[in-house]
PDB file of N, CA and C in Angstrom:
ATOM      1  N   UNK A   1     200.399  84.490  92.846  1.00  0.00           N
ATOM      2  CA  UNK A   1     200.468  85.872  92.416  1.00  0.00           C
ATOM      3  C   UNK A   1     200.092  85.949  90.931  1.00  0.00           C
ATOM      4  N   UNK A   2     199.190  86.819  90.612  1.00  0.00           N
ATOM      5  CA  UNK A   2     198.732  86.995  89.241  1.00  0.00           C
ATOM      6  C   UNK A   2     199.682  87.909  88.477  1.00  0.00           C
ATOM      7  N   UNK A   3     200.070  87.477  87.304  1.00  0.00           N
ATOM      8  CA  UNK A   3     200.932  88.296  86.442  1.00  0.00           C
ATOM      9  C   UNK A   3     200.103  89.419  85.824  1.00  0.00           C
ATOM     10  N   UNK A   4     200.737  90.543  85.596  1.00  0.00           N
ATOM     11  CA  UNK A   4     200.091  91.681  84.949  1.00  0.00           C
ATOM     12  C   UNK A   4     199.964  91.387  83.457  1.00  0.00           C
ATOM     13  N   UNK A   5     198.737  91.368  82.920  1.00  0.00           N
ATOM     14  CA  UNK A   5     198.568  91.052  81.494  1.00  0.00           C
ATOM     15  C   UNK A   5     199.321  92.005  80.568  1.00  0.00           C
ATOM     16  N   UNK A   6     199.407  93.276  80.939  1.00  0.00           N
ATOM     17  CA  UNK A   6     200.096  94.239  80.068  1.00  0.00           C
ATOM     18  C   UNK A   6     201.598  93.943  80.035  1.00  0.00           C
ATOM     19  N   UNK A   7     202.172  93.604  81.175  1.00  0.00           N
ATOM     20  CA  UNK A   7     203.596  93.253  81.219  1.00  0.00           C
ATOM     21  C   UNK A   7     203.836  91.944  80.468  1.00  0.00           C
ATOM     22  N   UNK A   8     202.914  90.988  80.611  1.00  0.00           N
ATOM     23  CA  UNK A   8     203.040  89.713  79.900  1.00  0.00           C
ATOM     24  C   UNK A   8     202.927  89.926  78.389  1.00  0.00           C
ATOM     25  N   UNK A   9     202.062  90.850  77.971  1.00  0.00           N
ATOM     26  CA  UNK A   9     201.926  91.176  76.546  1.00  0.00           C
ATOM     27  C   UNK A   9     203.197  91.824  76.021  1.00  0.00           C
ATOM     28  N   UNK A  10     203.779  92.728  76.790  1.00  0.00           N
ATOM     29  CA  UNK A  10     205.032  93.371  76.378  1.00  0.00           C
ATOM     30  C   UNK A  10     206.139  92.336  76.228  1.00  0.00           C
ATOM     31  N   UNK A  11     206.179  91.378  77.146  1.00  0.00           N
ATOM     32  CA  UNK A  11     207.174  90.310  77.060  1.00  0.00           C
ATOM     33  C   UNK A  11     206.932  89.442  75.829  1.00  0.00           C
ATOM     34  N   UNK A  12     205.675  89.110  75.546  1.00  0.00           N
ATOM     35  CA  UNK A  12     205.332  88.324  74.362  1.00  0.00           C
ATOM     36  C   UNK A  12     205.747  89.054  73.095  1.00  0.00           C
ATOM     37  N   UNK A  13     205.469  90.329  73.038  1.00  0.00           N
ATOM     38  CA  UNK A  13     205.846  91.132  71.872  1.00  0.00           C
ATOM     39  C   UNK A  13     207.360  91.117  71.667  1.00  0.00           C
ATOM     40  N   UNK A  14     208.097  91.258  72.757  1.00  0.00           N
ATOM     41  CA  UNK A  14     209.561  91.242  72.667  1.00  0.00           C
ATOM     42  C   UNK A  14     210.075  89.882  72.194  1.00  0.00           C
ATOM     43  N   UNK A  15     209.459  88.799  72.663  1.00  0.00           N
ATOM     44  CA  UNK A  15     209.902  87.474  72.217  1.00  0.00           C
ATOM     45  C   UNK A  15     209.564  87.242  70.749  1.00  0.00           C
ATOM     46  N   UNK A  16     208.443  87.779  70.289  1.00  0.00           N
ATOM     47  CA  UNK A  16     208.101  87.679  68.865  1.00  0.00           C
ATOM     48  C   UNK A  16     209.118  88.435  68.007  1.00  0.00           C
ATOM     49  N   UNK A  17     209.540  89.590  68.476  1.00  0.00           N
ATOM     50  CA  UNK A  17     210.572  90.363  67.756  1.00  0.00           C
ATOM     51  C   UNK A  17     211.876  89.575  67.681  1.00  0.00           C
ATOM     52  N   UNK A  18     212.280  88.966  68.798  1.00  0.00           N
ATOM     53  CA  UNK A  18     213.516  88.172  68.806  1.00  0.00           C
ATOM     54  C   UNK A  18     213.394  86.955  67.885  1.00  0.00           C
ATOM     55  N   UNK A  19     212.204  86.360  67.847  1.00  0.00           N
ATOM     56  CA  UNK A  19     211.992  85.214  66.957  1.00  0.00           C
ATOM     57  C   UNK A  19     212.114  85.641  65.495  1.00  0.00           C
ATOM     58  N   UNK A  20     211.551  86.795  65.171  1.00  0.00           N
ATOM     59  CA  UNK A  20     211.659  87.310  63.811  1.00  0.00           C
ATOM     60  C   UNK A  20     213.120  87.531  63.431  1.00  0.00           C
ATOM     61  N   UNK A  21     213.876  88.148  64.302  1.00  0.00           N
ATOM     62  CA  UNK A  21     215.297  88.401  64.022  1.00  0.00           C
ATOM     63  C   UNK A  21     216.062  87.087  63.870  1.00  0.00           C
ATOM     64  N   UNK A  22     215.812  86.129  64.746  1.00  0.00           N
ATOM     65  CA  UNK A  22     216.493  84.828  64.659  1.00  0.00           C
ATOM     66  C   UNK A  22     216.115  84.122  63.365  1.00  0.00           C
ATOM     67  N   UNK A  23     214.852  84.198  62.981  1.00  0.00           N
ATOM     68  CA  UNK A  23     214.395  83.552  61.745  1.00  0.00           C
ATOM     69  C   UNK A  23     215.033  84.194  60.522  1.00  0.00           C
ATOM     70  N   UNK A  24     215.174  85.518  60.543  1.00  0.00           N
ATOM     71  CA  UNK A  24     215.758  86.237  59.407  1.00  0.00           C
ATOM     72  C   UNK A  24     217.239  85.905  59.243  1.00  0.00           C
ATOM     73  N   UNK A  25     217.893  85.496  60.333  1.00  0.00           N
ATOM     74  CA  UNK A  25     219.328  85.186  60.286  1.00  0.00           C
ATOM     75  C   UNK A  25     219.590  83.695  60.442  1.00  0.00           C
ATOM     76  N   UNK A  26     218.604  82.893  60.177  1.00  0.00           N
ATOM     77  CA  UNK A  26     218.663  81.442  60.360  1.00  0.00           C
ATOM     78  C   UNK A  26     219.819  80.824  59.591  1.00  0.00           C
ATOM     79  N   UNK A  27     220.513  79.915  60.270  1.00  0.00           N
ATOM     80  CA  UNK A  27     221.622  79.175  59.660  1.00  0.00           C
ATOM     81  C   UNK A  27     221.279  77.686  59.680  1.00  0.00           C
ATOM     82  N   UNK A  28     220.511  77.260  58.715  1.00  0.00           N
ATOM     83  CA  UNK A  28     220.152  75.855  58.618  1.00  0.00           C
ATOM     84  C   UNK A  28     218.770  75.569  59.177  1.00  0.00           C
ATOM     85  N   UNK A  29     218.305  74.351  58.900  1.00  0.00           N
ATOM     86  CA  UNK A  29     216.938  73.980  59.239  1.00  0.00           C
ATOM     87  C   UNK A  29     216.676  73.930  60.744  1.00  0.00           C
ATOM     88  N   UNK A  30     217.613  73.463  61.531  1.00  0.00           N
ATOM     89  CA  UNK A  30     217.421  73.348  62.973  1.00  0.00           C
ATOM     90  C   UNK A  30     218.337  74.298  63.728  1.00  0.00           C
ATOM     91  N   UNK A  31     218.397  75.531  63.297  1.00  0.00           N
ATOM     92  CA  UNK A  31     219.235  76.542  63.941  1.00  0.00           C
ATOM     93  C   UNK A  31     218.850  76.647  65.417  1.00  0.00           C
ATOM     94  N   UNK A  32     219.797  76.425  66.322  1.00  0.00           N
ATOM     95  CA  UNK A  32     219.470  76.454  67.755  1.00  0.00           C
ATOM     96  C   UNK A  32     218.964  77.818  68.240  1.00  0.00           C
ATOM     97  N   UNK A  33     219.377  78.895  67.582  1.00  0.00           N
ATOM     98  CA  UNK A  33     218.894  80.221  67.961  1.00  0.00           C
ATOM     99  C   UNK A  33     217.406  80.362  67.645  1.00  0.00           C
ATOM    100  N   UNK A  34     216.992  79.845  66.500  1.00  0.00           N
ATOM    101  CA  UNK A  34     215.578  79.897  66.118  1.00  0.00           C
ATOM    102  C   UNK A  34     214.759  78.974  67.021  1.00  0.00           C
ATOM    103  N   UNK A  35     215.288  77.801  67.300  1.00  0.00           N
ATOM    104  CA  UNK A  35     214.581  76.849  68.170  1.00  0.00           C
ATOM    105  C   UNK A  35     214.377  77.466  69.551  1.00  0.00           C
ATOM    106  N   UNK A  36     215.413  78.094  70.100  1.00  0.00           N
ATOM    107  CA  UNK A  36     215.301  78.736  71.415  1.00  0.00           C
ATOM    108  C   UNK A  36     214.304  79.894  71.379  1.00  0.00           C
ATOM    109  N   UNK A  37     214.333  80.680  70.311  1.00  0.00           N
ATOM    110  CA  UNK A  37     213.410  81.804  70.180  1.00  0.00           C
ATOM    111  C   UNK A  37     211.967  81.297  70.067  1.00  0.00           C
ATOM    112  N   UNK A  38     211.775  80.191  69.356  1.00  0.00           N
ATOM    113  CA  UNK A  38     210.451  79.569  69.224  1.00  0.00           C
ATOM    114  C   UNK A  38     209.922  79.181  70.597  1.00  0.00           C
ATOM    115  N   UNK A  39     210.772  78.538  71.396  1.00  0.00           N
ATOM    116  CA  UNK A  39     210.351  78.108  72.729  1.00  0.00           C
ATOM    117  C   UNK A  39     210.066  79.311  73.633  1.00  0.00           C
ATOM    118  N   UNK A  40     210.860  80.358  73.487  1.00  0.00           N
ATOM    119  CA  UNK A  40     210.625  81.577  74.269  1.00  0.00           C
ATOM    120  C   UNK A  40     209.265  82.192  73.930  1.00  0.00           C
ATOM    121  N   UNK A  41     208.896  82.183  72.650  1.00  0.00           N
ATOM    122  CA  UNK A  41     207.583  82.692  72.241  1.00  0.00           C
ATOM    123  C   UNK A  41     206.478  81.846  72.863  1.00  0.00           C
ATOM    124  N   UNK A  42     206.641  80.526  72.815  1.00  0.00           N
ATOM    125  CA  UNK A  42     205.621  79.630  73.387  1.00  0.00           C
ATOM    126  C   UNK A  42     205.461  79.875  74.883  1.00  0.00           C
ATOM    127  N   UNK A  43     206.576  80.013  75.593  1.00  0.00           N
ATOM    128  CA  UNK A  43     206.519  80.258  77.036  1.00  0.00           C
ATOM    129  C   UNK A  43     205.880  81.608  77.348  1.00  0.00           C
ATOM    130  N   UNK A  44     206.276  82.639  76.611  1.00  0.00           N
ATOM    131  CA  UNK A  44     205.721  83.976  76.831  1.00  0.00           C
ATOM    132  C   UNK A  44     204.232  84.002  76.510  1.00  0.00           C
ATOM    133  N   UNK A  45     203.830  83.287  75.465  1.00  0.00           N
ATOM    134  CA  UNK A  45     202.410  83.237  75.116  1.00  0.00           C
ATOM    135  C   UNK A  45     201.610  82.597  76.236  1.00  0.00           C
ATOM    136  N   UNK A  46     202.107  81.497  76.791  1.00  0.00           N
ATOM    137  CA  UNK A  46     201.392  80.823  77.882  1.00  0.00           C
ATOM    138  C   UNK A  46     201.235  81.738  79.085  1.00  0.00           C
ATOM    139  N   UNK A  47     202.296  82.483  79.412  1.00  0.00           N
ATOM    140  CA  UNK A  47     202.220  83.431  80.525  1.00  0.00           C
ATOM    141  C   UNK A  47     201.181  84.519  80.251  1.00  0.00           C
ATOM    142  N   UNK A  48     201.168  85.030  79.026  1.00  0.00           N
ATOM    143  CA  UNK A  48     200.189  86.063  78.667  1.00  0.00           C
ATOM    144  C   UNK A  48     198.768  85.518  78.727  1.00  0.00           C
ATOM    145  N   UNK A  49     198.560  84.352  78.145  1.00  0.00           N
ATOM    146  CA  UNK A  49     197.222  83.764  78.126  1.00  0.00           C
ATOM    147  C   UNK A  49     196.733  83.496  79.545  1.00  0.00           C
ATOM    148  N   UNK A  50     197.623  82.986  80.399  1.00  0.00           N
ATOM    149  CA  UNK A  50     197.260  82.735  81.793  1.00  0.00           C
ATOM    150  C   UNK A  50     196.938  84.026  82.529  1.00  0.00           C
ATOM    151  N   UNK A  51     197.761  85.061  82.315  1.00  0.00           N
ATOM    152  CA  UNK A  51     197.519  86.353  82.980  1.00  0.00           C
ATOM    153  C   UNK A  51     196.203  86.962  82.512  1.00  0.00           C
ATOM    154  N   UNK A  52     195.905  86.844  81.240  1.00  0.00           N
ATOM    155  CA  UNK A  52     194.657  87.351  80.690  1.00  0.00           C
ATOM    156  C   UNK A  52     193.461  86.631  81.313  1.00  0.00           C
ATOM    157  N   UNK A  53     193.574  85.327  81.432  1.00  0.00           N
ATOM    158  CA  UNK A  53     192.496  84.528  82.018  1.00  0.00           C
ATOM    159  C   UNK A  53     192.297  84.871  83.493  1.00  0.00           C
ATOM    160  N   UNK A  54     193.382  84.929  84.239  1.00  0.00           N
ATOM    161  CA  UNK A  54     193.272  85.210  85.671  1.00  0.00           C
ATOM    162  C   UNK A  54     192.751  86.612  85.948  1.00  0.00           C
ATOM    163  N   UNK A  55     193.180  87.586  85.157  1.00  0.00           N
ATOM    164  CA  UNK A  55     192.794  88.975  85.408  1.00  0.00           C
ATOM    165  C   UNK A  55     191.416  89.331  84.871  1.00  0.00           C
ATOM    166  N   UNK A  56     191.070  88.822  83.693  1.00  0.00           N
ATOM    167  CA  UNK A  56     189.851  89.257  83.019  1.00  0.00           C
ATOM    168  C   UNK A  56     188.891  88.141  82.618  1.00  0.00           C
ATOM    169  N   UNK A  57     189.286  86.886  82.861  1.00  0.00           N
ATOM    170  CA  UNK A  57     188.423  85.777  82.455  1.00  0.00           C
ATOM    171  C   UNK A  57     188.360  85.599  80.956  1.00  0.00           C
ATOM    172  N   UNK A  58     189.376  86.079  80.252  1.00  0.00           N
ATOM    173  CA  UNK A  58     189.428  85.989  78.785  1.00  0.00           C
ATOM    174  C   UNK A  58     190.644  85.178  78.358  1.00  0.00           C
ATOM    175  N   UNK A  59     190.581  84.637  77.151  1.00  0.00           N
ATOM    176  CA  UNK A  59     191.703  83.927  76.549  1.00  0.00           C
ATOM    177  C   UNK A  59     191.859  84.378  75.110  1.00  0.00           C
ATOM    178  N   UNK A  60     192.981  84.041  74.522  1.00  0.00           N
ATOM    179  CA  UNK A  60     193.193  84.327  73.107  1.00  0.00           C
ATOM    180  C   UNK A  60     192.643  83.172  72.282  1.00  0.00           C
ATOM    181  N   UNK A  61     192.460  83.363  70.987  1.00  0.00           N
ATOM    182  CA  UNK A  61     191.979  82.276  70.135  1.00  0.00           C
ATOM    183  C   UNK A  61     193.126  81.423  69.606  1.00  0.00           C
ATOM    184  N   UNK A  62     194.291  81.485  70.241  1.00  0.00           N
ATOM    185  CA  UNK A  62     195.482  80.821  69.739  1.00  0.00           C
ATOM    186  C   UNK A  62     195.849  79.605  70.576  1.00  0.00           C
ATOM    187  N   UNK A  63     196.562  78.674  69.949  1.00  0.00           N
ATOM    188  CA  UNK A  63     197.094  77.503  70.636  1.00  0.00           C
ATOM    189  C   UNK A  63     198.551  77.351  70.257  1.00  0.00           C
ATOM    190  N   UNK A  64     199.322  76.730  71.119  1.00  0.00           N
ATOM    191  CA  UNK A  64     200.718  76.457  70.821  1.00  0.00           C
ATOM    192  C   UNK A  64     200.799  75.130  70.089  1.00  0.00           C
ATOM    193  N   UNK A  65     201.441  75.138  68.943  1.00  0.00           N
ATOM    194  CA  UNK A  65     201.605  73.936  68.138  1.00  0.00           C
ATOM    195  C   UNK A  65     202.644  73.038  68.781  1.00  0.00           C
ATOM    196  N   UNK A  66     202.269  71.810  69.058  1.00  0.00           N
ATOM    197  CA  UNK A  66     203.224  70.864  69.631  1.00  0.00           C
ATOM    198  C   UNK A  66     203.552  69.738  68.676  1.00  0.00           C
ATOM    199  N   UNK A  67     202.648  69.437  67.746  1.00  0.00           N
ATOM    200  CA  UNK A  67     202.887  68.378  66.780  1.00  0.00           C
ATOM    201  C   UNK A  67     202.641  66.985  67.328  1.00  0.00           C
ATOM    202  N   UNK A  68     202.339  66.861  68.615  1.00  0.00           N
ATOM    203  CA  UNK A  68     202.183  65.549  69.223  1.00  0.00           C
ATOM    204  C   UNK A  68     200.873  64.867  68.875  1.00  0.00           C
ATOM    205  N   UNK A  69     199.792  65.614  68.744  1.00  0.00           N
ATOM    206  CA  UNK A  69     198.471  65.025  68.530  1.00  0.00           C
ATOM    207  C   UNK A  69     198.072  64.951  67.065  1.00  0.00           C
ATOM    208  N   UNK A  70     198.918  65.433  66.164  1.00  0.00           N
ATOM    209  CA  UNK A  70     198.570  65.472  64.752  1.00  0.00           C
ATOM    210  C   UNK A  70     198.914  64.164  64.059  1.00  0.00           C
ATOM    211  N   UNK A  71     198.104  63.810  63.042  1.00  0.00           N
ATOM    212  CA  UNK A  71     198.392  62.627  62.231  1.00  0.00           C
ATOM    213  C   UNK A  71     199.668  62.823  61.437  1.00  0.00           C
ATOM    214  N   UNK A  72     199.857  63.992  60.870  1.00  0.00           N
ATOM    215  CA  UNK A  72     201.034  64.301  60.071  1.00  0.00           C
ATOM    216  C   UNK A  72     201.754  65.475  60.721  1.00  0.00           C
ATOM    217  N   UNK A  73     202.873  65.226  61.412  1.00  0.00           N
ATOM    218  CA  UNK A  73     203.550  66.306  62.119  1.00  0.00           C
ATOM    219  C   UNK A  73     204.111  67.382  61.197  1.00  0.00           C
ATOM    220  N   UNK A  74     204.247  67.100  59.910  1.00  0.00           N
ATOM    221  CA  UNK A  74     204.749  68.102  58.976  1.00  0.00           C
ATOM    222  C   UNK A  74     203.649  69.008  58.460  1.00  0.00           C
ATOM    223  N   UNK A  75     202.406  68.674  58.731  1.00  0.00           N
ATOM    224  CA  UNK A  75     201.270  69.455  58.236  1.00  0.00           C
ATOM    225  C   UNK A  75     200.768  70.374  59.343  1.00  0.00           C
ATOM    226  N   UNK A  76     201.023  71.681  59.192  1.00  0.00           N
ATOM    227  CA  UNK A  76     200.608  72.645  60.192  1.00  0.00           C
ATOM    228  C   UNK A  76     199.172  73.114  59.990  1.00  0.00           C
ATOM    229  N   UNK A  77     198.696  73.118  58.763  1.00  0.00           N
ATOM    230  CA  UNK A  77     197.392  73.686  58.452  1.00  0.00           C
ATOM    231  C   UNK A  77     196.374  72.568  58.253  1.00  0.00           C
ATOM    232  N   UNK A  78     195.575  72.291  59.298  1.00  0.00           N
ATOM    233  CA  UNK A  78     194.547  71.266  59.172  1.00  0.00           C
ATOM    234  C   UNK A  78     193.154  71.863  59.310  1.00  0.00           C
ATOM    235  N   UNK A  79     193.021  73.190  59.110  1.00  0.00           N
ATOM    236  CA  UNK A  79     191.719  73.803  59.306  1.00  0.00           C
ATOM    237  C   UNK A  79     190.937  73.982  58.013  1.00  0.00           C
ATOM    238  N   UNK A  80     191.323  73.319  56.959  1.00  0.00           N
ATOM    239  CA  UNK A  80     190.602  73.439  55.706  1.00  0.00           C
ATOM    240  C   UNK A  80     189.343  72.598  55.652  1.00  0.00           C
ATOM    241  N   UNK A  81     189.264  71.539  56.473  1.00  0.00           N
ATOM    242  CA  UNK A  81     188.107  70.664  56.457  1.00  0.00           C
ATOM    243  C   UNK A  81     187.009  71.227  57.345  1.00  0.00           C
ATOM    244  N   UNK A  82     185.828  71.439  56.770  1.00  0.00           N
ATOM    245  CA  UNK A  82     184.721  71.926  57.577  1.00  0.00           C
ATOM    246  C   UNK A  82     184.132  70.819  58.423  1.00  0.00           C
ATOM    247  N   UNK A  83     184.406  69.551  58.093  1.00  0.00           N
ATOM    248  CA  UNK A  83     183.895  68.421  58.862  1.00  0.00           C
ATOM    249  C   UNK A  83     184.737  68.143  60.092  1.00  0.00           C
ATOM    250  N   UNK A  84     185.875  68.753  60.236  1.00  0.00           N
ATOM    251  CA  UNK A  84     186.790  68.522  61.343  1.00  0.00           C
ATOM    252  C   UNK A  84     186.224  69.145  62.612  1.00  0.00           C
ATOM    253  N   UNK A  85     185.983  68.339  63.633  1.00  0.00           N
ATOM    254  CA  UNK A  85     185.386  68.835  64.872  1.00  0.00           C
ATOM    255  C   UNK A  85     186.285  69.816  65.612  1.00  0.00           C
ATOM    256  N   UNK A  86     187.595  69.599  65.625  1.00  0.00           N
ATOM    257  CA  UNK A  86     188.492  70.452  66.375  1.00  0.00           C
ATOM    258  C   UNK A  86     189.253  71.416  65.510  1.00  0.00           C
ATOM    259  N   UNK A  87     188.702  71.766  64.375  1.00  0.00           N
ATOM    260  CA  UNK A  87     189.426  72.563  63.393  1.00  0.00           C
ATOM    261  C   UNK A  87     189.435  74.046  63.646  1.00  0.00           C
ATOM    262  N   UNK A  88     189.533  74.773  62.587  1.00  0.00           N
ATOM    263  CA  UNK A  88     189.695  76.215  62.562  1.00  0.00           C
ATOM    264  C   UNK A  88     188.519  76.916  63.220  1.00  0.00           C
ATOM    265  N   UNK A  89     188.832  77.843  64.131  1.00  0.00           N
ATOM    266  CA  UNK A  89     187.786  78.583  64.826  1.00  0.00           C
ATOM    267  C   UNK A  89     187.768  80.052  64.432  1.00  0.00           C
ATOM    268  N   UNK A  90     188.531  80.430  63.429  1.00  0.00           N
ATOM    269  CA  UNK A  90     188.637  81.829  63.022  1.00  0.00           C
ATOM    270  C   UNK A  90     187.521  82.257  62.097  1.00  0.00           C
ATOM    271  N   UNK A  91     187.770  83.320  61.361  1.00  0.00           N
ATOM    272  CA  UNK A  91     186.760  83.877  60.470  1.00  0.00           C
ATOM    273  C   UNK A  91     186.533  82.997  59.252  1.00  0.00           C
ATOM    274  N   UNK A  92     185.292  82.896  58.850  1.00  0.00           N
ATOM    275  CA  UNK A  92     184.953  82.259  57.581  1.00  0.00           C
ATOM    276  C   UNK A  92     185.063  83.307  56.488  1.00  0.00           C
ATOM    277  N   UNK A  93     185.103  82.878  55.240  1.00  0.00           N
ATOM    278  CA  UNK A  93     185.223  83.810  54.123  1.00  0.00           C
ATOM    279  C   UNK A  93     184.160  84.895  54.138  1.00  0.00           C
ATOM    280  N   UNK A  94     182.961  84.560  54.575  1.00  0.00           N
ATOM    281  CA  UNK A  94     181.865  85.528  54.558  1.00  0.00           C
ATOM    282  C   UNK A  94     181.925  86.516  55.720  1.00  0.00           C
ATOM    283  N   UNK A  95     182.871  86.358  56.648  1.00  0.00           N
ATOM    284  CA  UNK A  95     182.913  87.195  57.836  1.00  0.00           C
ATOM    285  C   UNK A  95     183.934  88.324  57.781  1.00  0.00           C
ATOM    286  N   UNK A  96     184.530  88.564  56.637  1.00  0.00           N
ATOM    287  CA  UNK A  96     185.455  89.677  56.525  1.00  0.00           C
ATOM    288  C   UNK A  96     185.276  90.359  55.183  1.00  0.00           C
ATOM    289  N   UNK A  97     185.672  91.634  55.119  1.00  0.00           N
ATOM    290  CA  UNK A  97     185.565  92.395  53.907  1.00  0.00           C
ATOM    291  C   UNK A  97     186.779  92.131  53.026  1.00  0.00           C
ATOM    292  N   UNK A  98     186.535  91.836  51.764  1.00  0.00           N
ATOM    293  CA  UNK A  98     187.647  91.634  50.842  1.00  0.00           C
ATOM    294  C   UNK A  98     188.266  92.942  50.412  1.00  0.00           C
ATOM    295  N   UNK A  99     187.459  93.976  50.270  1.00  0.00           N
ATOM    296  CA  UNK A  99     187.934  95.291  49.875  1.00  0.00           C
ATOM    297  C   UNK A  99     188.105  96.130  51.125  1.00  0.00           C
ATOM    298  N   UNK A 100     189.209  96.859  51.249  1.00  0.00           N
ATOM    299  CA  UNK A 100     189.367  97.719  52.418  1.00  0.00           C
ATOM    300  C   UNK A 100     188.304  98.811  52.453  1.00  0.00           C
ATOM    301  N   UNK A 101     187.908  99.145  53.635  1.00  0.00           N
ATOM    302  CA  UNK A 101     186.887 100.178  53.812  1.00  0.00           C
ATOM    303  C   UNK A 101     187.434 101.532  53.418  1.00  0.00           C
ATOM    304  N   UNK A 102     186.610 102.356  52.795  1.00  0.00           N
ATOM    305  CA  UNK A 102     187.039 103.671  52.384  1.00  0.00           C
ATOM    306  C   UNK A 102     187.010 104.671  53.536  1.00  0.00           C
ATOM    307  N   UNK A 103     186.510 104.242  54.709  1.00  0.00           N
ATOM    308  CA  UNK A 103     186.427 105.133  55.865  1.00  0.00           C
ATOM    309  C   UNK A 103     187.730 105.220  56.632  1.00  0.00           C
ATOM    310  N   UNK A 104     188.756 104.463  56.233  1.00  0.00           N
ATOM    311  CA  UNK A 104     190.048 104.482  56.944  1.00  0.00           C
ATOM    312  C   UNK A 104     190.917 105.589  56.487  1.00  0.00           C
TER     313      UNK A 104
END
């Protein structure tokens, strides 16, 4: 049974809100509430991405960080190297406007 992408998106949004609240009230580095909220976001994201793929043949440009394949598990940002084959796939500096458009 294919999940409804809109319902999966609503669930993802709700888990992101709960993660924000847990993070804002964090009690220590490994707060179990934040850890649980983090995992809930990861699970909800996977459901959304799968529903999007099954329904429309599309995916998001995001990945869930696991830390298992990285050389340095404490380093989250490895997309600064342009020589990195599996690096950053987002916008380059030349692909966005630095000044907001006056048409908004």
